[in-house]
C-alpha atoms as a PDB file:
ATOM      1  CA  MET A   1      -4.582 -60.666 -13.571  1.00  0.00           C
ATOM      2  CA  GLU A   2      -2.221 -61.508 -11.307  1.00  0.00           C
ATOM      3  CA  ARG A   3      -1.370 -65.416 -11.133  1.00  0.00           C
ATOM      4  CA  LYS A   4      -0.531 -67.088  -7.876  1.00  0.00           C
ATOM      5  CA  GLY A   5       2.864 -67.277  -6.587  1.00  0.00           C
ATOM      6  CA  SER A   6       3.889 -64.526  -9.827  1.00  0.00           C
ATOM      7  CA  ARG A   7       4.323 -61.927  -6.670  1.00  0.00           C
ATOM      8  CA  LEU A   8       6.942 -59.017  -7.110  1.00  0.00           C
ATOM      9  CA  LEU A   9       8.073 -58.320  -3.627  1.00  0.00           C
ATOM     10  CA  THR A  10      10.350 -55.452  -2.419  1.00  0.00           C
ATOM     11  CA  VAL A  11      13.365 -55.849  -0.309  1.00  0.00           C
ATOM     12  CA  GLU A  12      11.647 -55.420   2.690  1.00  0.00           C
ATOM     13  CA  GLU A  13       8.778 -57.485   2.106  1.00  0.00           C
ATOM     14  CA  ALA A  14      11.198 -59.747   0.976  1.00  0.00           C
ATOM     15  CA  ARG A  15      13.104 -59.859   4.577  1.00  0.00           C
ATOM     16  CA  MET A  16      10.140 -59.932   6.255  1.00  0.00           C
ATOM     17  CA  VAL A  17       9.305 -63.220   4.520  1.00  0.00           C
ATOM     18  CA  VAL A  18      12.334 -64.771   5.298  1.00  0.00           C
ATOM     19  CA  GLY A  19      12.561 -63.353   8.721  1.00  0.00           C
ATOM     20  CA  PRO A  20      14.649 -60.412   9.063  1.00  0.00           C
ATOM     21  CA  ASP A  21      16.408 -61.892  12.140  1.00  0.00           C
ATOM     22  CA  ARG A  22      17.522 -64.595   9.425  1.00  0.00           C
ATOM     23  CA  PHE A  23      18.321 -62.435   6.219  1.00  0.00           C
ATOM     24  CA  SER A  24      20.075 -59.483   6.548  1.00  0.00           C
ATOM     25  CA  ARG A  25      19.544 -56.036   4.902  1.00  0.00           C
ATOM     26  CA  HIS A  26      22.670 -56.983   2.689  1.00  0.00           C
ATOM     27  CA  LEU A  27      21.624 -60.238   1.689  1.00  0.00           C
ATOM     28  CA  ALA A  28      18.065 -59.212   0.802  1.00  0.00           C
ATOM     29  CA  TYR A  29      19.585 -56.123  -1.214  1.00  0.00           C
ATOM     30  CA  ALA A  30      22.238 -58.667  -2.822  1.00  0.00           C
ATOM     31  CA  LEU A  31      19.420 -61.671  -3.991  1.00  0.00           C
ATOM     32  CA  GLY A  32      17.794 -58.173  -5.519  1.00  0.00           C
ATOM     33  CA  ARG A  33      20.386 -57.437  -7.184  1.00  0.00           C
ATOM     34  CA  VAL A  34      21.233 -60.869  -8.567  1.00  0.00           C
ATOM     35  CA  ALA A  35      17.731 -62.482  -8.873  1.00  0.00           C
ATOM     36  CA  GLY A  36      15.470 -59.691  -9.156  1.00  0.00           C
ATOM     37  CA  VAL A  37      14.262 -56.662 -11.148  1.00  0.00           C
ATOM     38  CA  ARG A  38      14.790 -53.598 -11.568  1.00  0.00           C
ATOM     39  CA  MET A  39      11.066 -51.010 -12.287  1.00  0.00           C
ATOM     40  CA  GLY A  40      12.374 -47.859 -12.221  1.00  0.00           C
ATOM     41  CA  LYS A  41      14.431 -47.151  -9.112  1.00  0.00           C
ATOM     42  CA  ARG A  42      12.742 -50.298  -7.288  1.00  0.00           C
ATOM     43  CA  LEU A  43      14.232 -53.301  -6.553  1.00  0.00           C
ATOM     44  CA  LEU A  44      11.825 -56.152  -6.812  1.00  0.00           C
ATOM     45  CA  ILE A  45      12.481 -59.528  -5.905  1.00  0.00           C
ATOM     46  CA  PRO A  46       9.778 -62.054  -7.601  1.00  0.00           C
ATOM     47  CA  SER A  47       8.257 -64.290  -4.818  1.00  0.00           C
ATOM     48  CA  LYS A  48       9.266 -67.616  -6.488  1.00  0.00           C
ATOM     49  CA  VAL A  49      12.931 -66.824  -5.641  1.00  0.00           C
ATOM     50  CA  VAL A  50      12.083 -66.058  -2.024  1.00  0.00           C
ATOM     51  CA  GLU A  51       9.883 -69.607  -2.154  1.00  0.00           C
ATOM     52  CA  ALA A  52      13.477 -71.128  -3.758  1.00  0.00           C
ATOM     53  CA  LEU A  53      15.540 -69.645  -1.135  1.00  0.00           C
ATOM     54  CA  LEU A  54      13.253 -70.703   1.576  1.00  0.00           C
ATOM     55  CA  GLU A  55      13.284 -74.462   0.271  1.00  0.00           C
ATOM     56  CA  GLY A  56      17.054 -74.885  -0.755  1.00  0.00           C
ATOM     57  CA  ARG A  57      16.059 -75.258  -4.148  1.00  0.00           C
ATOM     58  CA  LEU A  58      18.397 -71.685  -5.373  1.00  0.00           C
ATOM     59  CA  PRO A  59      21.632 -73.308  -7.145  1.00  0.00           C
ATOM     60  CA  PRO A  60      25.080 -72.795  -5.816  1.00  0.00           C
ATOM     61  CA  GLU A  61      26.012 -70.654  -8.308  1.00  0.00           C
ATOM     62  CA  VAL A  62      23.327 -68.235  -7.440  1.00  0.00           C
ATOM     63  CA  LEU A  63      24.102 -68.497  -3.511  1.00  0.00           C
ATOM     64  CA  GLU A  64      27.728 -67.660  -4.303  1.00  0.00           C
ATOM     65  CA  ALA A  65      27.052 -64.691  -6.592  1.00  0.00           C
ATOM     66  CA  VAL A  66      24.059 -63.157  -3.953  1.00  0.00           C
ATOM     67  CA  HIS A  67      26.800 -63.530  -1.139  1.00  0.00           C
ATOM     68  CA  ARG A  68      29.561 -62.166  -3.459  1.00  0.00           C
ATOM     69  CA  GLU A  69      27.177 -59.124  -3.994  1.00  0.00           C
ATOM     70  CA  ALA A  70      26.750 -59.071  -0.259  1.00  0.00           C
ATOM     71  CA  ARG A  71      30.111 -58.509   0.649  1.00  0.00           C
ATOM     72  CA  LYS A  72      30.557 -55.733  -1.969  1.00  0.00           C
ATOM     73  CA  LEU A  73      27.636 -53.722   0.025  1.00  0.00           C
ATOM     74  CA  GLY A  74      29.628 -54.248   2.794  1.00  0.00           C
ATOM     75  CA  GLY A  75      27.972 -56.980   4.565  1.00  0.00           C
ATOM     76  CA  LYS A  76      28.845 -60.349   6.345  1.00  0.00           C
ATOM     77  CA  ALA A  77      28.190 -62.633   4.260  1.00  0.00           C
END
């Protein structure tokens, strides 16, 4: 049974929720690497993390880690 708000999103699904024009692929993958989970080869991001990002509730240290990771991946963070 799935609880409300406990859904795991793919990186692309997370981008669509935030808005692909506001959230680059590099940032989405970086968020997944920092705050997501791996299931086999899939990188999944909890919907609660995406909600916290949209509401500005992600701690500054998490945001900094995401930006560092995005720079490693070649993005402009």
